[in-house]
Amino acid sequence: MFRPTASTRTASPDDRAVAEVFDQAEDALAEVAWAKVNLALHVTGRRPDGYHLLDSLVTFADHGDRLVFSAAPEDRFSLSGPFAAA
């Protein structure tokens, strides 16, 4: 399985934007959650604890979501971007 990392791909403008957010907020944690593409997914059974047994073939795309976490004075969750309202 191939997963792009900083050493195998060129930083995009989005990657640089995450780095800027990280630099601005000292207590922030910024990561990219790479998109996973299921090429094949088969349910092959069920475990005693109720979870399904799976066989899958996946690959990771060179795109993903930017996740930025930082401390806040109150609990909150916000989404932004073109699909945030969906």
N, C-alpha and C. Protein backbone atom coordinates (compact mmCIF):
# COMPACT_ATOMS: atom_id res chain seq x y z
N MET A 1 0.85 -1.16 0.00
CA MET A 1 0.00 0.00 0.00
C MET A 1 0.90 1.23 0.00
N PHE A 2 0.57 2.23 -0.79
CA PHE A 2 1.37 3.44 -0.91
C PHE A 2 0.63 4.60 -0.27
N ARG A 3 1.29 5.28 0.63
CA ARG A 3 0.72 6.46 1.25
C ARG A 3 1.67 7.63 1.01
N PRO A 4 1.18 8.70 0.35
CA PRO A 4 2.05 9.84 0.12
C PRO A 4 2.52 10.44 1.43
N THR A 5 3.76 10.85 1.49
CA THR A 5 4.29 11.53 2.66
C THR A 5 5.04 12.75 2.19
N ALA A 6 5.51 13.51 3.12
CA ALA A 6 6.24 14.74 2.76
C ALA A 6 7.45 14.42 1.89
N SER A 7 8.01 13.22 2.04
CA SER A 7 9.20 12.90 1.27
C SER A 7 8.88 12.36 -0.13
N THR A 8 7.59 12.04 -0.39
CA THR A 8 7.26 11.45 -1.69
C THR A 8 6.37 12.35 -2.54
N ARG A 9 6.04 13.52 -2.05
CA ARG A 9 5.19 14.41 -2.83
C ARG A 9 5.61 15.85 -2.62
N THR A 10 5.26 16.71 -3.56
CA THR A 10 5.58 18.12 -3.48
C THR A 10 4.50 18.84 -2.69
N ALA A 11 4.89 19.75 -1.84
CA ALA A 11 3.92 20.51 -1.05
C ALA A 11 3.05 21.35 -1.97
N SER A 12 1.76 21.26 -1.77
CA SER A 12 0.80 22.04 -2.55
C SER A 12 0.53 23.36 -1.84
N PRO A 13 -0.17 24.29 -2.51
CA PRO A 13 -0.55 25.53 -1.82
C PRO A 13 -1.37 25.24 -0.56
N ASP A 14 -2.21 24.20 -0.59
CA ASP A 14 -3.00 23.84 0.59
C ASP A 14 -2.10 23.38 1.73
N ASP A 15 -1.07 22.60 1.42
CA ASP A 15 -0.12 22.16 2.44
C ASP A 15 0.57 23.37 3.08
N ARG A 16 0.92 24.34 2.25
CA ARG A 16 1.58 25.53 2.77
C ARG A 16 0.62 26.33 3.65
N ALA A 17 -0.67 26.36 3.30
CA ALA A 17 -1.67 27.05 4.12
C ALA A 17 -1.78 26.40 5.49
N VAL A 18 -1.74 25.07 5.54
CA VAL A 18 -1.77 24.37 6.83
C VAL A 18 -0.55 24.74 7.64
N ALA A 19 0.60 24.79 7.00
CA ALA A 19 1.83 25.15 7.71
C ALA A 19 1.73 26.56 8.27
N GLU A 20 1.12 27.48 7.53
CA GLU A 20 0.97 28.85 8.01
C GLU A 20 0.07 28.89 9.24
N VAL A 21 -1.04 28.14 9.22
CA VAL A 21 -1.93 28.09 10.38
C VAL A 21 -1.18 27.52 11.57
N PHE A 22 -0.41 26.47 11.34
CA PHE A 22 0.37 25.85 12.42
C PHE A 22 1.37 26.84 13.00
N ASP A 23 2.02 27.61 12.13
CA ASP A 23 3.00 28.59 12.59
C ASP A 23 2.35 29.71 13.39
N GLN A 24 1.12 30.11 13.02
CA GLN A 24 0.46 31.21 13.69
C GLN A 24 -0.06 30.83 15.07
N ALA A 25 -0.48 29.61 15.25
CA ALA A 25 -1.02 29.16 16.53
C ALA A 25 -0.04 28.16 17.13
N GLU A 26 0.69 28.59 18.14
CA GLU A 26 1.74 27.76 18.70
C GLU A 26 1.20 26.45 19.26
N ASP A 27 -0.03 26.46 19.79
CA ASP A 27 -0.59 25.26 20.40
C ASP A 27 -1.42 24.43 19.41
N ALA A 28 -1.43 24.80 18.14
CA ALA A 28 -2.25 24.11 17.15
C ALA A 28 -1.54 22.87 16.60
N LEU A 29 -2.33 21.90 16.22
CA LEU A 29 -1.84 20.70 15.56
C LEU A 29 -2.51 20.64 14.19
N ALA A 30 -1.74 20.58 13.12
CA ALA A 30 -2.28 20.54 11.77
C ALA A 30 -1.79 19.29 11.06
N GLU A 31 -2.69 18.59 10.42
CA GLU A 31 -2.37 17.37 9.68
C GLU A 31 -3.22 17.32 8.42
N VAL A 32 -2.78 16.52 7.46
CA VAL A 32 -3.58 16.23 6.28
C VAL A 32 -4.08 14.80 6.40
N ALA A 33 -5.39 14.60 6.27
CA ALA A 33 -5.98 13.26 6.29
C ALA A 33 -6.14 12.85 4.83
N TRP A 34 -5.23 12.03 4.34
CA TRP A 34 -5.21 11.65 2.93
C TRP A 34 -6.47 10.85 2.58
N ALA A 35 -7.01 11.13 1.41
CA ALA A 35 -8.20 10.41 0.93
C ALA A 35 -7.83 8.97 0.61
N LYS A 36 -8.70 8.05 1.02
CA LYS A 36 -8.51 6.61 0.75
C LYS A 36 -9.53 6.20 -0.29
N VAL A 37 -9.11 5.47 -1.28
CA VAL A 37 -10.00 4.97 -2.32
C VAL A 37 -10.09 3.45 -2.18
N ASN A 38 -11.30 2.95 -1.94
CA ASN A 38 -11.52 1.51 -1.87
C ASN A 38 -11.65 0.97 -3.30
N LEU A 39 -10.70 0.15 -3.71
CA LEU A 39 -10.77 -0.47 -5.03
C LEU A 39 -11.62 -1.72 -4.99
N ALA A 40 -11.62 -2.38 -3.85
CA ALA A 40 -12.46 -3.58 -3.63
C ALA A 40 -12.72 -3.68 -2.14
N LEU A 41 -13.94 -4.05 -1.78
CA LEU A 41 -14.30 -4.21 -0.38
C LEU A 41 -15.33 -5.34 -0.28
N HIS A 42 -14.98 -6.38 0.46
CA HIS A 42 -15.85 -7.55 0.60
C HIS A 42 -16.02 -7.88 2.08
N VAL A 43 -17.27 -8.08 2.50
CA VAL A 43 -17.56 -8.55 3.84
C VAL A 43 -17.44 -10.07 3.80
N THR A 44 -16.54 -10.61 4.61
CA THR A 44 -16.26 -12.05 4.54
C THR A 44 -16.79 -12.83 5.74
N GLY A 45 -17.33 -12.13 6.72
CA GLY A 45 -17.86 -12.82 7.89
C GLY A 45 -18.13 -11.84 9.00
N ARG A 46 -18.39 -12.42 10.18
CA ARG A 46 -18.67 -11.60 11.36
C ARG A 46 -17.90 -12.14 12.55
N ARG A 47 -17.29 -11.23 13.30
CA ARG A 47 -16.54 -11.62 14.49
C ARG A 47 -17.50 -11.84 15.66
N PRO A 48 -17.06 -12.55 16.69
CA PRO A 48 -17.91 -12.78 17.87
C PRO A 48 -18.37 -11.48 18.54
N ASP A 49 -17.59 -10.39 18.40
CA ASP A 49 -17.98 -9.12 19.02
C ASP A 49 -18.93 -8.30 18.16
N GLY A 50 -19.36 -8.85 17.02
CA GLY A 50 -20.33 -8.17 16.17
C GLY A 50 -19.74 -7.39 15.01
N TYR A 51 -18.45 -7.12 15.05
CA TYR A 51 -17.82 -6.41 13.93
C TYR A 51 -17.68 -7.36 12.75
N HIS A 52 -17.66 -6.79 11.53
CA HIS A 52 -17.54 -7.60 10.33
C HIS A 52 -16.08 -7.84 9.98
N LEU A 53 -15.82 -8.99 9.39
CA LEU A 53 -14.51 -9.29 8.82
C LEU A 53 -14.50 -8.75 7.39
N LEU A 54 -13.44 -8.06 7.04
CA LEU A 54 -13.37 -7.42 5.73
C LEU A 54 -12.10 -7.81 4.99
N ASP A 55 -12.22 -7.95 3.70
CA ASP A 55 -11.08 -8.01 2.79
C ASP A 55 -11.18 -6.77 1.93
N SER A 56 -10.11 -6.01 1.84
CA SER A 56 -10.18 -4.79 1.05
C SER A 56 -8.87 -4.54 0.31
N LEU A 57 -9.00 -3.82 -0.76
CA LEU A 57 -7.85 -3.36 -1.54
C LEU A 57 -8.01 -1.86 -1.65
N VAL A 58 -7.04 -1.11 -1.11
CA VAL A 58 -7.15 0.34 -1.08
C VAL A 58 -5.90 1.00 -1.64
N THR A 59 -6.06 2.24 -1.99
CA THR A 59 -4.94 3.10 -2.35
C THR A 59 -5.23 4.47 -1.77
N PHE A 60 -4.21 5.29 -1.63
CA PHE A 60 -4.39 6.63 -1.10
C PHE A 60 -4.18 7.64 -2.20
N ALA A 61 -5.05 8.63 -2.26
CA ALA A 61 -4.97 9.68 -3.26
C ALA A 61 -3.98 10.74 -2.80
N ASP A 62 -3.60 11.59 -3.71
CA ASP A 62 -2.69 12.69 -3.41
C ASP A 62 -3.48 13.93 -2.99
N HIS A 63 -4.67 13.71 -2.45
CA HIS A 63 -5.55 14.78 -1.97
C HIS A 63 -6.10 14.36 -0.62
N GLY A 64 -6.52 15.33 0.14
CA GLY A 64 -7.09 15.01 1.43
C GLY A 64 -7.67 16.23 2.10
N ASP A 65 -8.11 16.06 3.33
CA ASP A 65 -8.67 17.15 4.11
C ASP A 65 -7.61 17.71 5.05
N ARG A 66 -7.62 19.03 5.21
CA ARG A 66 -6.74 19.67 6.19
C ARG A 66 -7.46 19.67 7.53
N LEU A 67 -6.81 19.14 8.54
CA LEU A 67 -7.36 19.12 9.89
C LEU A 67 -6.47 19.97 10.77
N VAL A 68 -7.07 20.94 11.45
CA VAL A 68 -6.33 21.82 12.35
C VAL A 68 -7.01 21.78 13.71
N PHE A 69 -6.27 21.43 14.73
CA PHE A 69 -6.79 21.34 16.09
C PHE A 69 -6.04 22.34 16.96
N SER A 70 -6.78 23.07 17.77
CA SER A 70 -6.14 23.99 18.70
C SER A 70 -7.00 24.14 19.94
N ALA A 71 -6.37 24.56 21.02
CA ALA A 71 -7.08 24.79 22.28
C ALA A 71 -8.02 25.97 22.12
N ALA A 72 -9.17 25.90 22.79
CA ALA A 72 -10.15 26.98 22.75
C ALA A 72 -10.74 27.16 24.14
N PRO A 73 -11.23 28.36 24.43
CA PRO A 73 -11.80 28.60 25.75
C PRO A 73 -13.11 27.86 25.98
N GLU A 74 -13.76 27.40 24.91
CA GLU A 74 -15.02 26.66 25.02
C GLU A 74 -15.05 25.56 23.98
N ASP A 75 -15.90 24.56 24.20
CA ASP A 75 -16.04 23.47 23.23
C ASP A 75 -16.78 23.98 22.00
N ARG A 76 -16.26 23.65 20.83
CA ARG A 76 -16.94 24.00 19.58
C ARG A 76 -16.37 23.17 18.45
N PHE A 77 -17.12 23.11 17.38
CA PHE A 77 -16.72 22.35 16.20
C PHE A 77 -17.15 23.17 15.00
N SER A 78 -16.26 23.39 14.05
CA SER A 78 -16.63 24.16 12.86
C SER A 78 -16.06 23.50 11.61
N LEU A 79 -16.80 23.66 10.51
CA LEU A 79 -16.39 23.16 9.20
C LEU A 79 -16.30 24.35 8.27
N SER A 80 -15.34 24.29 7.34
CA SER A 80 -15.25 25.31 6.32
C SER A 80 -14.88 24.67 5.01
N GLY A 81 -15.15 25.36 3.93
CA GLY A 81 -14.82 24.83 2.61
C GLY A 81 -16.05 24.68 1.75
N PRO A 82 -15.85 24.32 0.49
CA PRO A 82 -16.96 24.28 -0.46
C PRO A 82 -18.04 23.26 -0.14
N PHE A 83 -17.73 22.21 0.60
CA PHE A 83 -18.72 21.17 0.88
C PHE A 83 -19.16 21.18 2.35
N ALA A 84 -18.81 22.20 3.10
CA ALA A 84 -19.12 22.25 4.53
C ALA A 84 -20.63 22.26 4.79
N ALA A 85 -21.41 22.85 3.90
CA ALA A 85 -22.86 22.93 4.11
C ALA A 85 -23.59 21.65 3.68
N ALA A 86 -22.91 20.75 3.01
CA ALA A 86 -23.58 19.55 2.48
C ALA A 86 -23.96 18.59 3.58
